[in-house]
Amino acid sequence: MKILFIRHGDPDYEHDSVTEKGAREIELLADRLEKLDITQFYCSPLGRAKKTAEATLRRLNREAIVYDWLREFPAQCVDEINGGTRLCWDFMPEYWTVRDDFFDKDKWLSDPVYANSDAPETYKAVCDGIDGILKDYGYTRRGNMYVTESSSDATIVIFCHLGVQFAMLSHLLNISPVLLWHGFFVAPSSVTTVCTEEREKGRVYFRCQNLGDISHLYKGSEPMSESGYFQKTYK
């Protein structure tokens, strides 16, 4: 089985849509996707993700299944420095890198910053959601891996967002999402491919084949959007 996670095109957050650049990106993305044999499409309910899916779905005369849990990861965590709350995937390095539990795939949820927020229930909804999709294709979670009675050759596409994409990847690959949220970046309209690997019959693990691929943009001479990438040095 193959899962293609696609981040929405260059965002117009004010109108929950995509920019003119994003519109060019999603047409180039559609050029890429329409050549694939895709079993099913899934999509976030947010406008920028639905707009990104629209170009491909229109060409193929297909529809996507929309799940609310695929929206951008909305959990607000305790802000111990400034008070109040903040997005749980937006901490400064000098803060999150010294909290050892953040590096553990299980313990991160027990740290007071996350435990005293809606992060646990939000993360569980995402994990249950992706496991529900996988169960439809014959894959059942057992411990830190999956089991199946019959392997699937399905290819599915999930149009979503950076935060929730990394939450799903953390579950599939057993990595703390804090490390993914703060240490990795996927550009708008990028494609991340995760495939099942069944080295023993019926016992399955997921393996990331590529992360944040934007070769469709290179092919169309469209530069990468840096939306969500905090590369600037702040003083």
C-alpha atoms as a PDB file:
ATOM      1  CA  MET A   1       0.000   0.000   0.000  1.00  0.00           C
ATOM      2  CA  LYS A   2       1.102   3.536  -0.710  1.00  0.00           C
ATOM      3  CA  ILE A   3       0.009   6.755   1.011  1.00  0.00           C
ATOM      4  CA  LEU A   4       0.640  10.153  -0.579  1.00  0.00           C
ATOM      5  CA  PHE A   5       0.400  12.994   1.935  1.00  0.00           C
ATOM      6  CA  ILE A   6       0.001  16.331   0.181  1.00  0.00           C
ATOM      7  CA  ARG A   7       0.273  19.686   1.876  1.00  0.00           C
ATOM      8  CA  HIS A   8      -2.034  22.362   0.477  1.00  0.00           C
ATOM      9  CA  GLY A   9      -0.715  24.866  -2.063  1.00  0.00           C
ATOM     10  CA  ASP A  10       0.852  28.189  -1.117  1.00  0.00           C
ATOM     11  CA  PRO A  11      -1.712  29.471   1.401  1.00  0.00           C
ATOM     12  CA  ASP A  12      -3.872  32.531   1.585  1.00  0.00           C
ATOM     13  CA  TYR A  13      -4.662  32.087   5.261  1.00  0.00           C
ATOM     14  CA  GLU A  14      -6.853  35.192   5.453  1.00  0.00           C
ATOM     15  CA  HIS A  15      -9.354  33.693   3.006  1.00  0.00           C
ATOM     16  CA  ASP A  16      -8.572  30.025   3.752  1.00  0.00           C
ATOM     17  CA  SER A  17      -7.627  29.419   0.152  1.00  0.00           C
ATOM     18  CA  VAL A  18      -4.468  29.504  -1.957  1.00  0.00           C
ATOM     19  CA  THR A  19      -2.556  32.427  -3.461  1.00  0.00           C
ATOM     20  CA  GLU A  20      -2.002  33.009  -7.183  1.00  0.00           C
ATOM     21  CA  LYS A  21       1.271  31.139  -6.735  1.00  0.00           C
ATOM     22  CA  GLY A  22      -0.621  28.354  -4.969  1.00  0.00           C
ATOM     23  CA  ALA A  23      -2.999  28.130  -7.939  1.00  0.00           C
ATOM     24  CA  ARG A  24      -0.030  27.524 -10.238  1.00  0.00           C
ATOM     25  CA  GLU A  25       1.364  24.938  -7.828  1.00  0.00           C
ATOM     26  CA  ILE A  26      -1.808  22.882  -7.650  1.00  0.00           C
ATOM     27  CA  GLU A  27      -2.143  22.716 -11.430  1.00  0.00           C
ATOM     28  CA  LEU A  28       1.412  21.365 -11.645  1.00  0.00           C
ATOM     29  CA  LEU A  29       0.534  18.950  -8.854  1.00  0.00           C
ATOM     30  CA  ALA A  30      -2.515  17.811 -10.829  1.00  0.00           C
ATOM     31  CA  ASP A  31      -0.237  17.187 -13.845  1.00  0.00           C
ATOM     32  CA  ARG A  32       1.628  14.756 -11.623  1.00  0.00           C
ATOM     33  CA  LEU A  33      -1.273  13.069  -9.864  1.00  0.00           C
ATOM     34  CA  GLU A  34      -3.512  12.516 -12.868  1.00  0.00           C
ATOM     35  CA  LYS A  35      -0.958  10.058 -14.252  1.00  0.00           C
ATOM     36  CA  LEU A  36      -1.203   7.805 -11.175  1.00  0.00           C
ATOM     37  CA  ASP A  37      -3.612   4.966 -10.467  1.00  0.00           C
ATOM     38  CA  ILE A  38      -5.177   6.332  -7.295  1.00  0.00           C
ATOM     39  CA  THR A  39      -7.620   4.204  -5.345  1.00  0.00           C
ATOM     40  CA  GLN A  40      -9.131   6.898  -3.142  1.00  0.00           C
ATOM     41  CA  PHE A  41      -8.742  10.572  -2.226  1.00  0.00           C
ATOM     42  CA  TYR A  42      -9.155  12.006   1.282  1.00  0.00           C
ATOM     43  CA  CYS A  43      -9.205  15.673   2.236  1.00  0.00           C
ATOM     44  CA  SER A  44      -9.220  18.136   5.108  1.00  0.00           C
ATOM     45  CA  PRO A  45     -12.419  20.226   5.415  1.00  0.00           C
ATOM     46  CA  LEU A  46     -10.443  23.483   5.278  1.00  0.00           C
ATOM     47  CA  GLY A  47     -10.647  25.633   2.182  1.00  0.00           C
ATOM     48  CA  ARG A  48      -6.960  25.661   1.258  1.00  0.00           C
ATOM     49  CA  ALA A  49      -6.792  21.855   1.272  1.00  0.00           C
ATOM     50  CA  LYS A  50     -10.065  21.485  -0.649  1.00  0.00           C
ATOM     51  CA  LYS A  51      -8.868  24.035  -3.209  1.00  0.00           C
ATOM     52  CA  THR A  52      -5.637  22.060  -3.637  1.00  0.00           C
ATOM     53  CA  ALA A  53      -7.569  18.840  -4.181  1.00  0.00           C
ATOM     54  CA  GLU A  54     -10.016  20.487  -6.554  1.00  0.00           C
ATOM     55  CA  ALA A  55      -7.641  20.726  -9.521  1.00  0.00           C
ATOM     56  CA  THR A  56      -6.820  17.021  -9.500  1.00  0.00           C
ATOM     57  CA  LEU A  57     -10.363  15.855  -8.716  1.00  0.00           C
ATOM     58  CA  ARG A  58     -11.799  17.976 -11.515  1.00  0.00           C
ATOM     59  CA  ARG A  59      -9.486  16.465 -14.107  1.00  0.00           C
ATOM     60  CA  LEU A  60     -10.184  12.910 -12.991  1.00  0.00           C
ATOM     61  CA  ASN A  61     -13.898  13.454 -12.339  1.00  0.00           C
ATOM     62  CA  ARG A  62     -13.437  12.100  -8.840  1.00  0.00           C
ATOM     63  CA  GLU A  63     -14.502  13.096  -5.328  1.00  0.00           C
ATOM     64  CA  ALA A  64     -12.619  13.064  -2.049  1.00  0.00           C
ATOM     65  CA  ILE A  65     -13.772  11.765   1.307  1.00  0.00           C
ATOM     66  CA  VAL A  66     -13.598  14.670   3.771  1.00  0.00           C
ATOM     67  CA  TYR A  67     -12.695  14.030   7.418  1.00  0.00           C
ATOM     68  CA  ASP A  68     -12.775  16.748  10.062  1.00  0.00           C
ATOM     69  CA  TRP A  69      -9.733  15.286  11.868  1.00  0.00           C
ATOM     70  CA  LEU A  70      -7.598  16.042   8.796  1.00  0.00           C
ATOM     71  CA  ARG A  71      -7.841  19.784   9.442  1.00  0.00           C
ATOM     72  CA  GLU A  72      -4.669  21.560  10.560  1.00  0.00           C
ATOM     73  CA  PHE A  73      -3.625  20.227  13.984  1.00  0.00           C
ATOM     74  CA  PRO A  74      -5.507  22.729  16.174  1.00  0.00           C
ATOM     75  CA  ALA A  75      -4.372  21.865  19.690  1.00  0.00           C
ATOM     76  CA  GLN A  76      -3.325  24.790  21.871  1.00  0.00           C
ATOM     77  CA  CYS A  77      -0.668  24.068  24.499  1.00  0.00           C
ATOM     78  CA  VAL A  78       0.361  25.784  27.696  1.00  0.00           C
ATOM     79  CA  ASP A  79       2.736  28.691  27.091  1.00  0.00           C
ATOM     80  CA  GLU A  80       4.897  28.645  30.224  1.00  0.00           C
ATOM     81  CA  ILE A  81       6.955  31.644  29.102  1.00  0.00           C
ATOM     82  CA  ASN A  82       4.369  34.190  28.013  1.00  0.00           C
ATOM     83  CA  GLY A  83       1.280  32.764  29.672  1.00  0.00           C
ATOM     84  CA  GLY A  84      -1.859  31.609  27.961  1.00  0.00           C
ATOM     85  CA  THR A  85      -1.596  29.087  25.154  1.00  0.00           C
ATOM     86  CA  ARG A  86       0.141  28.661  21.820  1.00  0.00           C
ATOM     87  CA  LEU A  87       0.093  26.250  18.897  1.00  0.00           C
ATOM     88  CA  CYS A  88       1.721  23.043  20.056  1.00  0.00           C
ATOM     89  CA  TRP A  89       4.019  22.867  17.034  1.00  0.00           C
ATOM     90  CA  ASP A  90       5.467  26.355  17.486  1.00  0.00           C
ATOM     91  CA  PHE A  91       8.041  26.441  20.289  1.00  0.00           C
ATOM     92  CA  MET A  92      11.465  28.085  20.188  1.00  0.00           C
ATOM     93  CA  PRO A  93      14.464  25.709  20.075  1.00  0.00           C
ATOM     94  CA  GLU A  94      15.987  26.886  23.347  1.00  0.00           C
ATOM     95  CA  TYR A  95      12.735  25.882  25.032  1.00  0.00           C
ATOM     96  CA  TRP A  96      11.688  22.563  23.519  1.00  0.00           C
ATOM     97  CA  THR A  97      15.159  21.022  23.028  1.00  0.00           C
ATOM     98  CA  VAL A  98      15.842  20.856  26.779  1.00  0.00           C
ATOM     99  CA  ARG A  99      12.638  18.970  27.616  1.00  0.00           C
ATOM    100  CA  ASP A 100      13.698  15.332  27.376  1.00  0.00           C
ATOM    101  CA  ASP A 101      10.159  13.943  27.296  1.00  0.00           C
ATOM    102  CA  PHE A 102       9.498  15.824  24.058  1.00  0.00           C
ATOM    103  CA  PHE A 103      11.921  13.436  22.340  1.00  0.00           C
ATOM    104  CA  ASP A 104      10.045  10.309  23.398  1.00  0.00           C
ATOM    105  CA  LYS A 105       7.209   8.992  21.232  1.00  0.00           C
ATOM    106  CA  ASP A 106       5.044   8.259  24.293  1.00  0.00           C
ATOM    107  CA  LYS A 107       6.274  10.582  27.046  1.00  0.00           C
ATOM    108  CA  TRP A 108       5.750  13.819  25.104  1.00  0.00           C
ATOM    109  CA  LEU A 109       2.038  13.603  25.871  1.00  0.00           C
ATOM    110  CA  SER A 110       2.775  13.347  29.606  1.00  0.00           C
ATOM    111  CA  ASP A 111       4.754  16.576  29.764  1.00  0.00           C
ATOM    112  CA  PRO A 112       2.592  19.235  31.475  1.00  0.00           C
ATOM    113  CA  VAL A 113       2.840  21.493  28.431  1.00  0.00           C
ATOM    114  CA  TYR A 114       0.899  18.962  26.371  1.00  0.00           C
ATOM    115  CA  ALA A 115      -0.888  16.992  29.105  1.00  0.00           C
ATOM    116  CA  ASN A 116      -2.694  20.105  30.357  1.00  0.00           C
ATOM    117  CA  SER A 117      -4.081  20.923  26.934  1.00  0.00           C
ATOM    118  CA  ASP A 118      -6.305  19.407  24.277  1.00  0.00           C
ATOM    119  CA  ALA A 119      -3.261  17.895  22.519  1.00  0.00           C
ATOM    120  CA  PRO A 120      -3.808  14.327  23.823  1.00  0.00           C
ATOM    121  CA  GLU A 121      -7.389  14.086  22.575  1.00  0.00           C
ATOM    122  CA  THR A 122      -6.566  15.842  19.306  1.00  0.00           C
ATOM    123  CA  TYR A 123      -3.617  13.539  18.653  1.00  0.00           C
ATOM    124  CA  LYS A 124      -5.717  10.480  19.507  1.00  0.00           C
ATOM    125  CA  ALA A 125      -8.388  11.578  17.030  1.00  0.00           C
ATOM    126  CA  VAL A 126      -5.744  11.838  14.297  1.00  0.00           C
ATOM    127  CA  CYS A 127      -4.206   8.454  15.164  1.00  0.00           C
ATOM    128  CA  ASP A 128      -7.615   6.789  15.306  1.00  0.00           C
ATOM    129  CA  GLY A 129      -8.512   8.475  12.028  1.00  0.00           C
ATOM    130  CA  ILE A 130      -5.544   7.229  10.017  1.00  0.00           C
ATOM    131  CA  ASP A 131      -5.864   3.785  11.612  1.00  0.00           C
ATOM    132  CA  GLY A 132      -9.506   3.749  10.549  1.00  0.00           C
ATOM    133  CA  ILE A 133      -8.523   4.436   6.958  1.00  0.00           C
ATOM    134  CA  LEU A 134      -5.851   1.742   7.049  1.00  0.00           C
ATOM    135  CA  LYS A 135      -8.310  -0.768   8.484  1.00  0.00           C
ATOM    136  CA  ASP A 136     -10.465  -0.265   5.395  1.00  0.00           C
ATOM    137  CA  TYR A 137      -7.533  -1.611   3.381  1.00  0.00           C
ATOM    138  CA  GLY A 138      -6.891  -4.554   5.680  1.00  0.00           C
ATOM    139  CA  TYR A 139      -4.233  -3.122   8.010  1.00  0.00           C
ATOM    140  CA  THR A 140      -4.771  -3.279  11.777  1.00  0.00           C
ATOM    141  CA  ARG A 141      -2.554  -1.598  14.352  1.00  0.00           C
ATOM    142  CA  ARG A 142      -0.875  -3.994  16.758  1.00  0.00           C
ATOM    143  CA  GLY A 143       1.610  -2.394  19.125  1.00  0.00           C
ATOM    144  CA  ASN A 144       4.077  -0.343  17.114  1.00  0.00           C
ATOM    145  CA  MET A 145       3.324  -2.012  13.783  1.00  0.00           C
ATOM    146  CA  TYR A 146       0.441  -3.320  11.690  1.00  0.00           C
ATOM    147  CA  VAL A 147      -0.823  -6.745  10.722  1.00  0.00           C
ATOM    148  CA  THR A 148      -2.777  -7.860   7.678  1.00  0.00           C
ATOM    149  CA  GLU A 149      -4.280 -11.018   6.281  1.00  0.00           C
ATOM    150  CA  SER A 150      -4.002  -9.773   2.717  1.00  0.00           C
ATOM    151  CA  SER A 151      -1.627  -7.096   1.429  1.00  0.00           C
ATOM    152  CA  SER A 152      -3.121  -4.209  -0.516  1.00  0.00           C
ATOM    153  CA  ASP A 153      -1.710  -2.544  -3.624  1.00  0.00           C
ATOM    154  CA  ALA A 154      -3.917   0.515  -3.123  1.00  0.00           C
ATOM    155  CA  THR A 155      -2.584   4.046  -3.523  1.00  0.00           C
ATOM    156  CA  ILE A 156      -4.385   6.717  -1.534  1.00  0.00           C
ATOM    157  CA  VAL A 157      -3.933  10.485  -1.508  1.00  0.00           C
ATOM    158  CA  ILE A 158      -4.501  12.657   1.573  1.00  0.00           C
ATOM    159  CA  PHE A 159      -4.760  16.425   1.034  1.00  0.00           C
ATOM    160  CA  CYS A 160      -4.038  18.104   4.358  1.00  0.00           C
ATOM    161  CA  HIS A 161      -1.647  20.364   6.285  1.00  0.00           C
ATOM    162  CA  LEU A 162       1.876  20.376   7.705  1.00  0.00           C
ATOM    163  CA  GLY A 163       0.960  19.919  11.378  1.00  0.00           C
ATOM    164  CA  VAL A 164      -1.547  17.103  10.957  1.00  0.00           C
ATOM    165  CA  GLN A 165       0.624  15.403   8.336  1.00  0.00           C
ATOM    166  CA  PHE A 166       3.481  15.154  10.820  1.00  0.00           C
ATOM    167  CA  ALA A 167       1.074  13.925  13.503  1.00  0.00           C
ATOM    168  CA  MET A 168       0.070  11.051  11.201  1.00  0.00           C
ATOM    169  CA  LEU A 169       3.681  10.311  10.284  1.00  0.00           C
ATOM    170  CA  SER A 170       4.648  10.246  13.954  1.00  0.00           C
ATOM    171  CA  HIS A 171       2.013   7.573  14.563  1.00  0.00           C
ATOM    172  CA  LEU A 172       2.913   5.469  11.536  1.00  0.00           C
ATOM    173  CA  LEU A 173       6.663   5.655  12.165  1.00  0.00           C
ATOM    174  CA  ASN A 174       6.637   5.774  15.997  1.00  0.00           C
ATOM    175  CA  ILE A 175       8.444   9.106  16.268  1.00  0.00           C
ATOM    176  CA  SER A 176       7.598  11.935  18.635  1.00  0.00           C
ATOM    177  CA  PRO A 177       5.627  14.507  16.618  1.00  0.00           C
ATOM    178  CA  VAL A 178       7.478  17.266  18.473  1.00  0.00           C
ATOM    179  CA  LEU A 179      10.635  16.289  16.582  1.00  0.00           C
ATOM    180  CA  LEU A 180       8.800  16.276  13.264  1.00  0.00           C
ATOM    181  CA  TRP A 181       6.925  19.525  13.893  1.00  0.00           C
ATOM    182  CA  HIS A 182      10.094  21.406  14.819  1.00  0.00           C
ATOM    183  CA  GLY A 183      12.782  19.577  12.852  1.00  0.00           C
ATOM    184  CA  PHE A 184      11.224  18.936   9.437  1.00  0.00           C
ATOM    185  CA  PHE A 185       9.546  21.021   6.758  1.00  0.00           C
ATOM    186  CA  VAL A 186       7.318  20.119   3.828  1.00  0.00           C
ATOM    187  CA  ALA A 187       6.655  22.852   1.297  1.00  0.00           C
ATOM    188  CA  PRO A 188       3.204  23.801   0.034  1.00  0.00           C
ATOM    189  CA  SER A 189       1.906  21.344  -2.620  1.00  0.00           C
ATOM    190  CA  SER A 190       4.669  18.867  -1.709  1.00  0.00           C
ATOM    191  CA  VAL A 191       4.175  15.106  -1.865  1.00  0.00           C
ATOM    192  CA  THR A 192       5.318  12.796   0.927  1.00  0.00           C
ATOM    193  CA  THR A 193       5.169   9.097   0.056  1.00  0.00           C
ATOM    194  CA  VAL A 194       4.891   6.373   2.683  1.00  0.00           C
ATOM    195  CA  CYS A 195       4.742   2.696   1.695  1.00  0.00           C
ATOM    196  CA  THR A 196       4.042  -0.537   3.522  1.00  0.00           C
ATOM    197  CA  GLU A 197       7.003  -2.849   3.960  1.00  0.00           C
ATOM    198  CA  GLU A 198       6.138  -6.488   4.650  1.00  0.00           C
ATOM    199  CA  ARG A 199       9.391  -8.362   5.248  1.00  0.00           C
ATOM    200  CA  GLU A 200       7.470 -11.078   7.060  1.00  0.00           C
ATOM    201  CA  LYS A 201       4.110 -12.178   5.723  1.00  0.00           C
ATOM    202  CA  GLY A 202       1.280 -10.397   7.482  1.00  0.00           C
ATOM    203  CA  ARG A 203       3.569  -8.158   9.557  1.00  0.00           C
ATOM    204  CA  VAL A 204       3.734  -4.627   8.275  1.00  0.00           C
ATOM    205  CA  TYR A 205       5.673  -1.460   8.960  1.00  0.00           C
ATOM    206  CA  PHE A 206       5.428   1.831   7.100  1.00  0.00           C
ATOM    207  CA  ARG A 207       8.511   3.321   5.501  1.00  0.00           C
ATOM    208  CA  CYS A 208       8.910   6.873   4.238  1.00  0.00           C
ATOM    209  CA  GLN A 209      10.015   6.748   0.615  1.00  0.00           C
ATOM    210  CA  ASN A 210      10.318  10.501   0.201  1.00  0.00           C
ATOM    211  CA  LEU A 211       9.448  13.569   2.259  1.00  0.00           C
ATOM    212  CA  GLY A 212       8.170  16.834   0.842  1.00  0.00           C
ATOM    213  CA  ASP A 213       8.939  16.092  -2.817  1.00  0.00           C
ATOM    214  CA  ILE A 214       8.341  19.080  -5.126  1.00  0.00           C
ATOM    215  CA  SER A 215       9.710  17.721  -8.391  1.00  0.00           C
ATOM    216  CA  HIS A 216       6.447  18.762 -10.093  1.00  0.00           C
ATOM    217  CA  LEU A 217       7.316  22.379  -9.256  1.00  0.00           C
ATOM    218  CA  TYR A 218      10.828  22.038 -10.664  1.00  0.00           C
ATOM    219  CA  LYS A 219       9.353  20.576 -13.846  1.00  0.00           C
ATOM    220  CA  GLY A 220       7.105  23.600 -14.202  1.00  0.00           C
ATOM    221  CA  SER A 221       9.844  26.101 -13.272  1.00  0.00           C
ATOM    222  CA  GLU A 222       7.832  27.154 -10.229  1.00  0.00           C
ATOM    223  CA  PRO A 223       9.924  28.074  -7.156  1.00  0.00           C
ATOM    224  CA  MET A 224       9.285  26.498  -3.779  1.00  0.00           C
ATOM    225  CA  SER A 225       7.115  28.391  -1.335  1.00  0.00           C
ATOM    226  CA  GLU A 226       8.718  28.878   2.073  1.00  0.00           C
ATOM    227  CA  SER A 227       5.417  29.319   3.880  1.00  0.00           C
ATOM    228  CA  GLY A 228       5.813  27.849   7.366  1.00  0.00           C
ATOM    229  CA  TYR A 229       9.605  27.701   7.212  1.00  0.00           C
ATOM    230  CA  PHE A 230      11.128  29.949   9.852  1.00  0.00           C
ATOM    231  CA  GLN A 231      14.514  30.489   8.251  1.00  0.00           C
ATOM    232  CA  LYS A 232      14.825  34.163   9.103  1.00  0.00           C
ATOM    233  CA  THR A 233      17.184  35.121  11.933  1.00  0.00           C
ATOM    234  CA  TYR A 234      15.234  37.116  14.482  1.00  0.00           C
ATOM    235  CA  LYS A 235      16.873  39.710  16.715  1.00  0.00           C
END
